[in-house]
Protein backbone atom coordinates (compact mmCIF):
# COMPACT_ATOMS: atom_id res chain seq x y z
CA MET A 1 0.00 0.00 0.00
CA LEU A 2 1.29 3.47 -0.90
CA LYS A 3 2.11 5.87 1.88
CA THR A 4 -0.07 8.99 1.87
CA SER A 5 2.94 11.16 0.97
CA ALA A 6 3.61 9.00 -2.12
CA ILE A 7 0.09 9.47 -3.52
CA PRO A 8 0.08 12.34 -6.05
CA ASN A 9 -2.20 15.19 -5.05
CA THR A 10 -4.69 16.76 -7.46
CA ARG A 11 -2.28 19.40 -8.78
CA GLU A 12 0.44 16.82 -9.38
CA ARG A 13 -1.98 14.55 -11.22
CA LEU A 14 -3.13 17.44 -13.38
CA LEU A 15 0.45 18.44 -14.19
CA GLY A 16 1.37 14.84 -14.99
CA ALA A 17 -1.68 14.50 -17.25
CA THR A 18 -0.82 17.80 -18.96
CA MET A 19 2.74 16.64 -19.61
CA LYS A 20 1.51 13.37 -21.10
CA LEU A 21 -1.12 14.91 -23.38
CA VAL A 22 0.92 17.93 -24.47
CA SER A 23 3.76 15.55 -25.37
CA GLU A 24 1.33 13.59 -27.55
CA LYS A 25 -0.88 16.35 -28.99
CA GLY A 26 0.91 19.63 -28.33
CA TYR A 27 -0.35 22.52 -26.24
CA LEU A 28 -2.94 23.49 -28.84
CA GLY A 29 -4.26 19.95 -29.29
CA ALA A 30 -4.57 18.98 -25.62
CA THR A 31 -7.89 20.26 -24.25
CA THR A 32 -8.60 20.98 -20.60
CA ARG A 33 -11.41 18.42 -20.72
CA GLU A 34 -9.00 15.70 -21.86
CA ILE A 35 -6.41 16.71 -19.29
CA ALA A 36 -8.96 16.58 -16.48
CA ARG A 37 -10.19 13.17 -17.63
CA GLU A 38 -6.62 11.84 -17.82
CA ALA A 39 -6.00 13.11 -14.26
CA GLY A 40 -9.22 11.53 -13.01
CA VAL A 41 -10.85 14.80 -11.98
CA SER A 42 -13.53 17.11 -13.34
CA GLU A 43 -12.77 20.02 -15.61
CA LEU A 44 -14.13 22.30 -12.88
CA THR A 45 -11.48 20.92 -10.50
CA LEU A 46 -8.80 21.74 -13.07
CA PHE A 47 -9.93 25.37 -13.22
CA ARG A 48 -10.26 25.58 -9.43
CA ASN A 49 -6.62 24.52 -9.09
CA PHE A 50 -5.07 26.48 -11.95
CA GLY A 51 -7.60 29.06 -13.14
CA SER A 52 -6.76 28.74 -16.83
CA LYS A 53 -5.00 26.55 -19.36
CA GLU A 54 -2.16 29.11 -19.52
CA LYS A 55 -1.62 28.85 -15.74
CA LEU A 56 -1.65 25.06 -16.02
CA PHE A 57 1.04 25.30 -18.71
CA GLU A 58 3.03 27.66 -16.48
CA GLY A 59 2.86 25.10 -13.67
CA LEU A 60 3.99 22.40 -16.08
CA LEU A 61 7.08 24.36 -17.12
CA GLY A 62 7.82 25.20 -13.49
CA GLN A 63 7.88 21.53 -12.53
CA TYR A 64 9.16 19.58 -15.54
CA THR A 65 11.77 21.81 -17.18
CA PHE A 66 15.44 22.07 -16.19
CA LEU A 67 14.77 25.22 -14.15
CA PRO A 68 13.79 23.53 -10.84
CA ARG A 69 16.66 21.05 -11.26
CA LEU A 70 19.19 23.84 -11.78
CA ARG A 71 17.87 25.67 -8.72
CA GLU A 72 18.30 22.49 -6.68
CA LEU A 73 21.78 21.96 -8.12
CA ARG A 74 22.95 25.57 -7.72
CA PRO A 75 24.21 25.39 -4.06
CA ARG A 76 26.38 22.38 -4.89
CA LEU A 77 28.17 24.13 -7.75
CA ASP A 78 30.19 26.39 -5.44
CA GLY A 79 32.02 23.35 -4.07
CA LEU A 80 33.09 22.11 -7.51
CA ALA A 81 35.91 23.10 -9.82
CA TYR A 82 34.63 25.28 -12.69
CA GLU A 83 34.85 22.68 -15.47
CA GLU A 84 33.40 19.98 -13.22
CA ALA A 85 30.48 22.27 -12.37
CA LEU A 86 29.84 22.98 -16.05
CA MET A 87 29.95 19.28 -16.88
CA THR A 88 27.49 18.56 -14.08
CA ILE A 89 25.11 21.24 -15.37
CA ALA A 90 25.50 20.08 -18.97
CA LYS A 91 24.80 16.40 -18.26
CA ARG A 92 21.77 17.16 -16.10
CA PHE A 93 20.44 19.57 -18.73
CA LEU A 94 20.85 17.07 -21.58
CA LEU A 95 19.31 14.24 -19.56
CA THR A 96 16.32 16.47 -18.78
CA LEU A 97 15.93 17.28 -22.47
CA LYS A 98 16.13 13.58 -23.33
CA GLU A 99 13.49 12.68 -20.73
CA GLN A 100 11.20 15.27 -22.33
CA LYS A 101 12.11 14.54 -25.95
CA SER A 102 8.52 14.10 -27.19
CA PHE A 103 7.40 17.23 -25.34
CA ILE A 104 10.26 19.32 -26.72
CA LYS A 105 9.81 18.02 -30.26
CA ILE A 106 6.13 18.96 -30.46
CA MET A 107 6.63 22.27 -28.64
CA TYR A 108 9.46 23.19 -30.98
CA SER A 109 7.29 22.49 -34.03
CA GLU A 110 4.24 24.50 -32.94
CA ALA A 111 5.76 27.35 -30.89
CA ASN A 112 5.16 29.93 -33.64
CA LEU A 113 1.42 29.17 -33.44
CA TYR A 114 1.03 29.95 -29.74
CA PRO A 115 -1.07 32.88 -28.58
CA ASP A 116 0.86 35.72 -26.93
CA LYS A 117 -0.03 34.65 -23.37
CA VAL A 118 1.46 31.19 -23.86
CA ARG A 119 4.52 32.53 -25.63
CA LYS A 120 5.18 34.89 -22.72
CA VAL A 121 4.97 32.03 -20.21
CA TYR A 122 7.35 29.93 -22.30
CA THR A 123 9.79 32.83 -22.74
CA ALA A 124 9.68 33.75 -19.04
CA THR A 125 10.71 30.21 -18.04
CA GLY A 126 13.65 30.32 -20.44
CA ASP A 127 14.67 33.75 -19.16
CA GLU A 128 14.58 32.54 -15.57
CA LEU A 129 16.71 29.51 -16.43
CA ARG A 130 19.26 31.76 -18.10
CA ALA A 131 19.20 34.19 -15.16
CA THR A 132 19.83 31.37 -12.67
CA LEU A 133 22.90 30.20 -14.58
CA SER A 134 23.98 33.81 -15.09
CA GLY A 135 23.99 34.21 -11.31
CA TYR A 136 26.49 31.37 -11.03
CA PHE A 137 28.83 33.00 -13.57
CA LEU A 138 28.48 36.36 -11.81
CA SER A 139 29.43 34.81 -8.46
CA LEU A 140 32.62 33.43 -10.04
CA GLN A 141 33.42 36.82 -11.55
CA LYS A 142 33.14 38.43 -8.11
CA LYS A 143 35.65 35.89 -6.80
CA GLY A 144 38.02 36.78 -9.64
CA ALA A 145 37.76 33.32 -11.21
CA LEU A 146 36.29 34.51 -14.52
CA ARG A 147 37.10 37.46 -16.73
CA LYS A 148 34.66 40.32 -17.06
CA VAL A 149 32.28 39.26 -19.82
CA SER A 150 28.49 39.40 -19.66
CA PRO A 151 27.26 36.61 -17.33
CA ASP A 152 23.91 36.66 -19.13
CA THR A 153 25.50 36.23 -22.56
CA SER A 154 27.72 33.47 -21.18
CA ALA A 155 24.70 31.63 -19.77
CA GLY A 156 22.79 31.99 -23.03
CA MET A 157 25.73 30.73 -25.08
CA PHE A 158 26.37 27.72 -22.84
CA LEU A 159 22.74 26.61 -22.77
CA GLY A 160 22.45 27.36 -26.50
CA MET A 161 25.43 25.14 -27.34
CA LEU A 162 23.92 22.28 -25.35
CA PHE A 163 20.44 22.65 -26.83
CA ALA A 164 21.85 22.86 -30.37
CA TYR A 165 23.79 19.63 -29.72
CA PHE A 166 20.66 17.89 -28.39
CA ARG A 167 18.50 19.14 -31.26
CA ASN A 168 21.01 18.03 -33.89
CA GLU A 169 21.67 14.60 -32.40
CA GLU A 170 18.36 13.51 -30.84
CA LEU A 171 15.72 15.43 -32.79
CA MET A 172 17.25 15.75 -36.25
CA ARG A 173 19.43 12.64 -36.56
CA GLY A 174 17.62 10.35 -34.12
CA ARG A 175 20.83 9.43 -32.30
CA ASP A 176 20.84 8.37 -28.66
CA ILE A 177 23.21 10.80 -26.92
CA THR A 178 23.56 8.49 -23.90
CA LYS A 179 24.73 5.43 -25.88
CA LYS A 180 28.23 4.03 -25.27
CA GLY A 181 29.52 6.99 -23.28
CA LYS A 182 28.78 9.41 -26.14
CA MET A 183 27.35 12.12 -23.90
CA ASP A 184 30.31 12.07 -21.47
CA ARG A 185 32.81 12.46 -24.31
CA GLU A 186 30.94 15.18 -26.15
CA VAL A 187 29.98 17.16 -23.04
CA ARG A 188 33.67 17.22 -22.11
CA GLU A 189 34.43 18.66 -25.58
CA ILE A 190 31.66 21.26 -25.34
CA VAL A 191 32.81 22.39 -21.90
CA ASP A 192 36.44 22.53 -23.04
CA ILE A 193 35.50 24.70 -26.04
CA PHE A 194 33.34 26.95 -23.86
CA VAL A 195 36.04 27.41 -21.23
CA HIS A 196 39.17 27.58 -23.42
CA GLY A 197 37.93 28.54 -26.90
CA THR A 198 39.36 27.04 -30.06
CA MET A 199 42.55 29.03 -30.70
CA LYS A 200 45.78 27.35 -29.67
CA GLU A 201 47.66 29.29 -27.00
CA ARG A 202 50.76 31.02 -28.32
CA LYS A 203 53.98 30.29 -26.49
């Protein structure tokens, strides 16, 4: 028998149902009626908990994207060497993307069709993710460990490199990035390029 704490509450069931149906049908195709039915509640209960489909989507992004994982990871980064911290972030980010591959694929294909409210929610989550990582870079700058470049641009570039790698390998080519140590090797390369650049040091 499940312990009471292990039984998903109504909000968790609704978010889980939303993730499942949006991954299958997209945000536009998944109706609140279907989501409520999948969660085993009434549509009225859905609106009592979230108020609108946009708020439900906001809750989904707040729980299932990399943002909450990065926030949880953030305190541990200060105890790691810089490259080790970046590799930890990169691997967790890529594994999160892989877990949500179907969701990302359908969202990526229909994003230009979203109404403004939904686009703003989606953009705000991405901005917050970037700001969280930017805060880490800024803290290292204050310690004198990094040179004075824009922490926000650095965060955007690092996440952008990783997402481009995932999109090219998993979404476009259908390759499993976790197979035979592929991700470990390529993350190490990405981090090395990000940290040291590509030009050979002159002696």
